[in-house]
Amino acid sequence: MKKLVLVLGLLAAAVLLMAPGATLYYETGGGRRCASCHEMQPVYDLWSSSSHRGVSCGKCHGDAFTLDASFHRNNAARAYSHLRHELPEQIRFSHQYVQAMTGPCQNCHRQEFASWQAGPHSATYARIFLDKKHNTGNMLMDDCLRCHGAYFERGIAGLVAPVDRAGPWRIVPQGVANMPSMPCLTCHQMHREGPQLHKAGVEGRVAGPSQEIARPSLAFFDRRTQQYVPIQDLPMPALLDGPRPLKMSADRRQALCYQCHAPAAAMQVGSGDDRTGMGVHEGISCLACHAQHGQQTRASCANCHPKMSNCGLDVEKMDTTFQSAGSKHNIHWVKCGDCHTRGVPRKKEKTV
């Protein structure tokens, strides 16, 4: 009996160690052994030419020392499927896995992660989909998930119940309510081809016009096709102010913003979720005022108006939504004529 217990114990230990042991085996190859499974070759090729090629697979995807048992069970299940030739046409990240990826992102990108976490784009599913004011005025639909839940595998009925305007509403899947509805991978493709980012010292400074504006990872994850679209392939809208074409900033990063903050079909500025600047702010980029990850705007006026406006007033004290959220003058669309209803006075001449 003792021998039987010992044998069974050794078998159990072997089974428990099989998954982390296999993971350790693949890690020692620096990523090359991952590609020994042919379905991983395209993924490995993308990684090897990406900005993250200096980061080992295990840093982001987990390794033999990962304490989450579900990670090792998932690896074992994938290996079993591979041996049975039950392979997907293309490897995809599940919603649960995408949520888990925010941890590894935080390990390296601490400042960006902290800004994102403190800003509006870290809003949870509960914050977005249990909003009484929104849900009574707008029927929830699958298209909501295009921005708020791009990786969620089911439709809106699988996320929120009931799908009506009466409520009360609840998040259906267990454990999802407090997850961020717009995690890092909504706007960043980690394996996108691009140069590595190096901290430049005095000897490695790059002239201003040659400095990059956007990192190669910036891309929009399209829920319908399950593919990333890089910002250079995303369209910039041609907006109208009545019949007049609006002057648009050439900042390509905005193409990513417009995937969610888009105008209605008539392409009128300020319609739908559009916030494109017009009036005194026509032609400037969203990112001229909004910090990239946290969206803070505290320093935005000072960036362009270090002291006074053209009419000699402190712009931060003007009656706009920058000064007070209750102002009737939206900072995105404010015009001189909104305050100077009798006509804009001429700029005062300087006296010697």
Protein backbone atom coordinates (compact mmCIF):
# COMPACT_ATOMS: atom_id res chain seq x y z
CA MET A 1 0.00 0.00 0.00
CA LYS A 2 2.84 2.38 0.85
CA LYS A 3 4.48 1.69 -2.52
CA LEU A 4 1.17 2.37 -4.32
CA VAL A 5 0.72 5.66 -2.47
CA LEU A 6 4.32 6.60 -3.33
CA VAL A 7 3.83 5.79 -7.02
CA LEU A 8 0.55 7.71 -7.16
CA GLY A 9 2.21 10.64 -5.41
CA LEU A 10 5.08 10.68 -7.89
CA LEU A 11 2.63 10.53 -10.81
CA ALA A 12 0.63 13.41 -9.36
CA ALA A 13 3.81 15.45 -8.88
CA ALA A 14 4.87 14.70 -12.46
CA VAL A 15 1.52 15.89 -13.79
CA LEU A 16 1.69 19.07 -11.69
CA LEU A 17 5.23 19.81 -12.84
CA MET A 18 4.60 18.97 -16.49
CA ALA A 19 3.10 22.33 -17.46
CA PRO A 20 5.65 24.60 -15.73
CA GLY A 21 8.42 22.26 -16.82
CA ALA A 22 7.36 22.56 -20.45
CA THR A 23 7.13 26.32 -20.05
CA LEU A 24 10.68 26.43 -18.65
CA TYR A 25 11.91 24.34 -21.58
CA TYR A 26 10.47 26.77 -24.11
CA GLU A 27 11.76 29.80 -22.22
CA THR A 28 15.37 28.67 -22.42
CA GLY A 29 15.23 29.09 -26.20
CA GLY A 30 14.74 32.84 -25.96
CA GLY A 31 11.49 32.61 -27.88
CA ARG A 32 12.81 30.44 -30.73
CA ARG A 33 11.47 27.25 -29.17
CA CYS A 34 7.99 28.78 -29.02
CA ALA A 35 8.12 28.83 -32.82
CA SER A 36 8.81 25.08 -32.93
CA CYS A 37 5.00 24.80 -32.89
CA HIS A 38 4.36 25.92 -36.45
CA GLU A 39 1.20 27.86 -35.58
CA MET A 40 3.37 30.14 -33.44
CA GLN A 41 5.81 31.01 -36.24
CA PRO A 42 3.87 34.08 -37.52
CA VAL A 43 3.56 35.38 -33.95
CA TYR A 44 7.27 34.86 -33.33
CA ASP A 45 8.18 36.57 -36.62
CA LEU A 46 6.14 39.63 -35.66
CA TRP A 47 7.70 39.76 -32.20
CA SER A 48 11.25 39.42 -33.56
CA SER A 49 10.85 42.63 -35.61
CA SER A 50 8.78 44.56 -33.07
CA SER A 51 9.74 47.24 -30.58
CA HIS A 52 9.44 44.59 -27.85
CA ARG A 53 11.89 42.13 -29.42
CA GLY A 54 14.30 42.73 -26.55
CA VAL A 55 11.67 41.56 -24.06
CA SER A 56 11.41 37.79 -23.57
CA CYS A 57 8.08 36.03 -24.15
CA GLY A 58 7.77 35.12 -20.48
CA LYS A 59 7.96 38.76 -19.34
CA CYS A 60 4.56 39.46 -20.90
CA HIS A 61 2.95 36.04 -21.29
CA GLY A 62 3.98 34.38 -18.05
CA ASP A 63 6.68 31.80 -17.30
CA ALA A 64 7.42 28.68 -15.27
CA PHE A 65 7.33 30.69 -12.06
CA THR A 66 3.90 32.22 -12.68
CA LEU A 67 1.78 31.47 -9.61
CA ASP A 68 -1.57 31.53 -11.43
CA ALA A 69 -2.59 27.87 -11.81
CA SER A 70 -5.00 28.72 -14.64
CA PHE A 71 -2.03 29.93 -16.71
CA HIS A 72 -0.40 26.50 -16.56
CA ARG A 73 -3.71 24.71 -17.15
CA ASN A 74 -4.22 26.82 -20.24
CA ASN A 75 -0.74 25.94 -21.53
CA ALA A 76 -1.39 22.25 -20.95
CA ALA A 77 -4.73 22.50 -22.77
CA ARG A 78 -3.06 24.22 -25.74
CA ALA A 79 -0.37 21.52 -25.89
CA TYR A 80 -3.06 18.82 -25.82
CA SER A 81 -4.97 20.55 -28.64
CA HIS A 82 -1.74 20.82 -30.61
CA LEU A 83 -1.06 17.08 -30.28
CA ARG A 84 -4.62 16.34 -31.44
CA HIS A 85 -4.20 18.76 -34.39
CA GLU A 86 -7.16 20.77 -33.15
CA LEU A 87 -5.63 24.11 -34.06
CA PRO A 88 -7.36 27.46 -34.62
CA GLU A 89 -6.88 29.19 -37.95
CA GLN A 90 -5.36 32.11 -36.08
CA ILE A 91 -4.30 32.44 -32.47
CA ARG A 92 -6.43 34.96 -30.57
CA PHE A 93 -6.32 36.44 -27.09
CA SER A 94 -9.32 35.74 -24.92
CA HIS A 95 -10.94 38.57 -22.98
CA GLN A 96 -9.66 37.16 -19.69
CA TYR A 97 -6.10 36.98 -21.05
CA VAL A 98 -6.21 40.56 -22.34
CA GLN A 99 -7.24 41.74 -18.90
CA ALA A 100 -4.33 39.84 -17.34
CA MET A 101 -1.90 41.55 -19.76
CA THR A 102 -2.34 44.93 -18.06
CA GLY A 103 -0.11 43.67 -15.24
CA PRO A 104 2.96 43.03 -17.41
CA CYS A 105 2.39 46.36 -19.20
CA GLN A 106 2.55 48.07 -15.81
CA ASN A 107 5.88 46.47 -14.97
CA CYS A 108 7.71 48.43 -17.67
CA HIS A 109 5.41 51.34 -18.49
CA ARG A 110 4.75 52.55 -14.96
CA GLN A 111 4.16 56.22 -15.66
CA GLU A 112 1.90 55.52 -18.65
CA PHE A 113 -0.02 52.90 -16.69
CA ALA A 114 -0.53 55.24 -13.72
CA SER A 115 -1.81 58.00 -16.02
CA TRP A 116 -4.18 55.60 -17.79
CA GLN A 117 -5.43 54.21 -14.49
CA ALA A 118 -6.16 57.71 -13.18
CA GLY A 119 -7.85 58.81 -16.41
CA PRO A 120 -11.24 58.15 -18.05
CA HIS A 121 -10.03 55.36 -20.35
CA SER A 122 -9.63 52.98 -17.41
CA ALA A 123 -13.40 53.09 -16.78
CA THR A 124 -14.77 49.72 -15.69
CA TYR A 125 -17.60 47.77 -17.32
CA ALA A 126 -19.83 48.70 -14.37
CA ARG A 127 -19.03 52.41 -14.81
CA ILE A 128 -19.90 52.32 -18.51
CA PHE A 129 -22.79 49.87 -18.72
CA LEU A 130 -24.60 50.50 -15.45
CA ASP A 131 -25.00 54.25 -16.03
CA LYS A 132 -28.70 54.96 -15.39
CA LYS A 133 -28.73 58.31 -17.21
CA HIS A 134 -27.17 56.83 -20.33
CA ASN A 135 -29.15 53.57 -20.35
CA THR A 136 -32.53 55.28 -20.01
CA GLY A 137 -31.77 57.65 -22.86
CA ASN A 138 -29.94 55.25 -25.19
CA MET A 139 -30.63 51.59 -25.89
CA LEU A 140 -27.60 49.39 -25.24
CA MET A 141 -26.38 47.62 -28.37
CA ASP A 142 -23.55 45.43 -29.65
CA ASP A 143 -21.82 48.45 -31.20
CA CYS A 144 -21.15 49.77 -27.66
CA LEU A 145 -18.57 46.99 -27.40
CA ARG A 146 -16.60 48.40 -30.34
CA CYS A 147 -14.96 50.80 -27.88
CA HIS A 148 -16.03 49.54 -24.45
CA GLY A 149 -15.23 45.84 -24.63
CA ALA A 150 -13.42 45.17 -27.90
CA TYR A 151 -12.13 41.79 -26.67
CA PHE A 152 -15.34 40.66 -24.96
CA GLU A 153 -16.33 37.44 -26.75
CA ARG A 154 -20.12 37.71 -26.47
CA GLY A 155 -22.66 40.32 -27.52
CA ILE A 156 -24.25 43.00 -25.35
CA ALA A 157 -26.87 40.55 -24.01
CA GLY A 158 -24.03 38.39 -22.72
CA LEU A 159 -22.61 41.36 -20.81
CA VAL A 160 -25.58 43.34 -19.50
CA ALA A 161 -29.08 42.32 -18.45
CA PRO A 162 -31.72 43.39 -19.18
CA VAL A 163 -31.12 45.04 -22.55
CA ASP A 164 -33.79 47.72 -22.21
CA ARG A 165 -34.29 51.28 -20.96
CA ALA A 166 -36.06 50.35 -17.74
CA GLY A 167 -33.43 48.51 -15.72
CA PRO A 168 -32.22 47.89 -13.13
CA TRP A 169 -29.16 46.62 -14.96
CA ARG A 170 -26.47 44.18 -13.89
CA ILE A 171 -23.23 42.82 -15.38
CA VAL A 172 -23.89 39.19 -16.31
CA PRO A 173 -20.46 37.44 -16.20
CA GLN A 174 -18.94 36.96 -12.78
CA GLY A 175 -15.81 39.01 -12.08
CA VAL A 176 -16.16 41.31 -15.10
CA ALA A 177 -17.89 44.33 -13.55
CA ASN A 178 -14.71 45.90 -12.14
CA MET A 179 -12.47 45.08 -15.10
CA PRO A 180 -11.40 48.00 -17.33
CA SER A 181 -13.54 48.17 -20.47
CA MET A 182 -10.64 49.73 -22.45
CA PRO A 183 -7.45 47.87 -21.47
CA CYS A 184 -4.04 48.64 -22.98
CA LEU A 185 -4.47 46.24 -25.92
CA THR A 186 -7.48 48.20 -27.18
CA CYS A 187 -5.13 50.84 -28.63
CA HIS A 188 -1.72 49.12 -28.63
CA GLN A 189 -0.50 46.15 -30.67
CA MET A 190 2.56 44.83 -28.86
CA HIS A 191 3.98 42.89 -31.83
CA ARG A 192 3.70 45.76 -34.31
CA GLU A 193 6.92 46.12 -36.34
CA GLY A 194 9.08 49.01 -35.24
CA PRO A 195 12.38 50.14 -33.72
CA GLN A 196 13.22 49.60 -30.09
CA LEU A 197 12.98 52.58 -27.79
CA HIS A 198 16.28 53.58 -26.20
CA LYS A 199 16.90 56.22 -23.58
CA ALA A 200 19.00 58.84 -25.32
CA GLY A 201 21.84 60.47 -23.46
CA VAL A 202 23.62 63.66 -24.42
CA GLU A 203 25.54 61.81 -27.14
CA GLY A 204 22.42 60.18 -28.53
CA ARG A 205 20.13 63.16 -28.86
CA VAL A 206 17.92 63.32 -31.94
CA ALA A 207 17.08 66.58 -33.65
CA GLY A 208 13.50 67.73 -33.11
CA PRO A 209 12.15 67.15 -36.64
CA SER A 210 13.55 63.58 -36.56
CA GLN A 211 11.99 62.62 -33.23
CA GLU A 212 9.06 60.23 -33.38
CA ILE A 213 5.56 61.51 -32.70
CA ALA A 214 3.92 58.14 -32.10
CA ARG A 215 5.14 54.72 -31.07
CA PRO A 216 4.69 51.90 -33.64
CA SER A 217 2.34 50.03 -31.30
CA LEU A 218 -0.46 52.57 -31.73
CA ALA A 219 -3.26 50.71 -33.51
CA PHE A 220 -7.00 50.17 -33.13
CA PHE A 221 -8.27 46.66 -32.40
CA ASP A 222 -11.25 46.10 -34.67
CA ARG A 223 -13.71 43.83 -32.88
CA ARG A 224 -15.45 42.70 -36.06
CA THR A 225 -12.40 41.46 -37.93
CA GLN A 226 -10.36 40.65 -34.81
CA GLN A 227 -7.47 42.52 -36.42
CA TYR A 228 -5.39 45.56 -35.52
CA VAL A 229 -5.42 48.57 -37.81
CA PRO A 230 -2.32 50.81 -37.42
CA ILE A 231 -2.86 54.56 -37.19
CA GLN A 232 -1.36 55.17 -40.63
CA ASP A 233 -4.17 53.07 -42.14
CA LEU A 234 -6.96 54.65 -40.10
CA PRO A 235 -8.92 57.40 -41.89
CA MET A 236 -9.07 60.99 -40.70
CA PRO A 237 -12.63 62.34 -41.02
CA ALA A 238 -13.54 65.28 -43.24
CA LEU A 239 -15.70 67.31 -40.83
CA LEU A 240 -18.08 70.13 -41.64
CA ASP A 241 -19.18 73.23 -39.77
CA GLY A 242 -22.52 73.63 -41.57
CA PRO A 243 -21.56 73.64 -45.28
CA ARG A 244 -17.98 74.77 -44.54
CA PRO A 245 -15.18 72.17 -44.48
CA LEU A 246 -13.37 72.29 -41.14
CA LYS A 247 -9.62 72.77 -40.98
CA MET A 248 -8.15 69.59 -39.49
CA SER A 249 -4.87 68.98 -37.69
CA ALA A 250 -2.40 66.73 -39.49
CA ASP A 251 -1.62 64.80 -36.29
CA ARG A 252 -2.17 61.14 -37.30
CA ARG A 253 -2.61 60.04 -33.70
CA GLN A 254 -6.06 61.59 -33.84
CA ALA A 255 -7.17 58.88 -36.27
CA LEU A 256 -7.17 56.54 -33.28
CA CYS A 257 -9.23 58.96 -31.17
CA TYR A 258 -11.83 59.26 -33.95
CA GLN A 259 -12.57 55.53 -33.91
CA CYS A 260 -14.60 56.14 -30.74
CA HIS A 261 -15.03 59.91 -30.56
CA ALA A 262 -16.69 60.07 -33.96
CA PRO A 263 -19.28 62.45 -35.45
CA ALA A 264 -22.70 61.37 -36.68
CA ALA A 265 -23.19 60.34 -40.32
CA ALA A 266 -23.70 63.93 -41.51
CA MET A 267 -20.09 64.62 -40.40
CA GLN A 268 -21.04 67.83 -38.59
CA VAL A 269 -18.53 68.95 -35.98
CA GLY A 270 -19.75 68.39 -32.43
CA SER A 271 -22.32 65.75 -33.43
CA GLY A 272 -22.29 62.25 -31.98
CA ASP A 273 -19.25 61.85 -29.74
CA ASP A 274 -17.12 64.31 -31.72
CA ARG A 275 -15.11 66.95 -29.87
CA THR A 276 -13.04 68.38 -32.72
CA GLY A 277 -11.89 71.92 -32.01
CA MET A 278 -13.38 74.82 -33.92
CA GLY A 279 -13.71 78.54 -33.33
CA VAL A 280 -10.50 79.79 -31.73
CA HIS A 281 -9.20 76.18 -31.53
CA GLU A 282 -9.86 75.09 -35.10
CA GLY A 283 -7.00 73.13 -36.62
CA ILE A 284 -5.21 72.04 -33.45
CA SER A 285 -4.73 68.41 -32.44
CA CYS A 286 -6.68 66.68 -29.66
CA LEU A 287 -3.33 65.87 -28.07
CA ALA A 288 -2.34 69.53 -27.93
CA CYS A 289 -4.62 69.80 -24.90
CA HIS A 290 -5.26 66.24 -23.72
CA ALA A 291 -2.43 64.29 -22.09
CA GLN A 292 -2.04 60.99 -23.93
CA HIS A 293 -2.93 58.38 -21.31
CA GLY A 294 -4.48 60.32 -18.45
CA GLN A 295 -6.32 62.90 -20.58
CA GLN A 296 -5.54 65.65 -18.06
CA THR A 297 -5.92 69.15 -19.53
CA ARG A 298 -4.64 71.35 -16.68
CA ALA A 299 -1.61 72.67 -18.57
CA SER A 300 -3.25 72.85 -22.00
CA CYS A 301 -4.03 76.58 -21.98
CA ALA A 302 -0.57 77.48 -20.69
CA ASN A 303 1.03 75.50 -23.53
CA CYS A 304 -0.16 78.03 -26.10
CA HIS A 305 -1.14 81.01 -23.90
CA PRO A 306 1.75 81.41 -21.45
CA LYS A 307 0.38 84.70 -20.17
CA MET A 308 -2.56 86.41 -21.84
CA SER A 309 -4.94 85.98 -24.75
CA ASN A 310 -4.97 88.16 -27.86
CA CYS A 311 -7.44 90.48 -26.16
CA GLY A 312 -5.31 90.87 -23.05
CA LEU A 313 -7.32 88.63 -20.72
CA ASP A 314 -6.18 85.60 -18.75
CA VAL A 315 -7.56 82.69 -20.80
CA GLU A 316 -7.85 80.44 -17.76
CA LYS A 317 -10.28 82.87 -16.16
CA MET A 318 -12.52 83.26 -19.20
CA ASP A 319 -16.06 81.86 -19.05
CA THR A 320 -15.42 78.47 -20.67
CA THR A 321 -15.73 74.84 -19.63
CA PHE A 322 -12.01 74.89 -18.89
CA GLN A 323 -12.68 77.33 -16.06
CA SER A 324 -15.99 75.78 -14.99
CA ALA A 325 -17.76 72.60 -16.11
CA GLY A 326 -21.08 74.45 -15.90
CA SER A 327 -20.11 77.13 -18.43
CA LYS A 328 -22.24 77.46 -21.55
CA HIS A 329 -19.10 78.03 -23.62
CA ASN A 330 -17.62 74.64 -24.51
CA ILE A 331 -13.83 74.95 -24.70
CA HIS A 332 -13.79 72.76 -27.83
CA TRP A 333 -16.00 75.10 -29.86
CA VAL A 334 -15.72 78.52 -28.24
CA LYS A 335 -15.51 81.50 -30.62
CA CYS A 336 -14.57 85.11 -29.94
CA GLY A 337 -18.12 86.12 -30.87
CA ASP A 338 -19.59 83.92 -28.13
CA CYS A 339 -18.46 86.47 -25.55
CA HIS A 340 -18.10 89.57 -27.76
CA THR A 341 -21.72 89.60 -28.92
CA ARG A 342 -21.45 93.20 -30.16
CA GLY A 343 -18.39 92.48 -32.24
CA VAL A 344 -14.79 91.58 -31.55
CA PRO A 345 -12.80 94.66 -30.48
CA ARG A 346 -9.62 95.49 -32.28
CA LYS A 347 -6.36 94.53 -30.67
CA LYS A 348 -4.94 97.44 -28.69
CA GLU A 349 -1.87 99.06 -30.14
CA LYS A 350 1.20 99.08 -27.92
CA THR A 351 2.32 102.51 -26.79
CA VAL A 352 5.96 103.41 -26.51
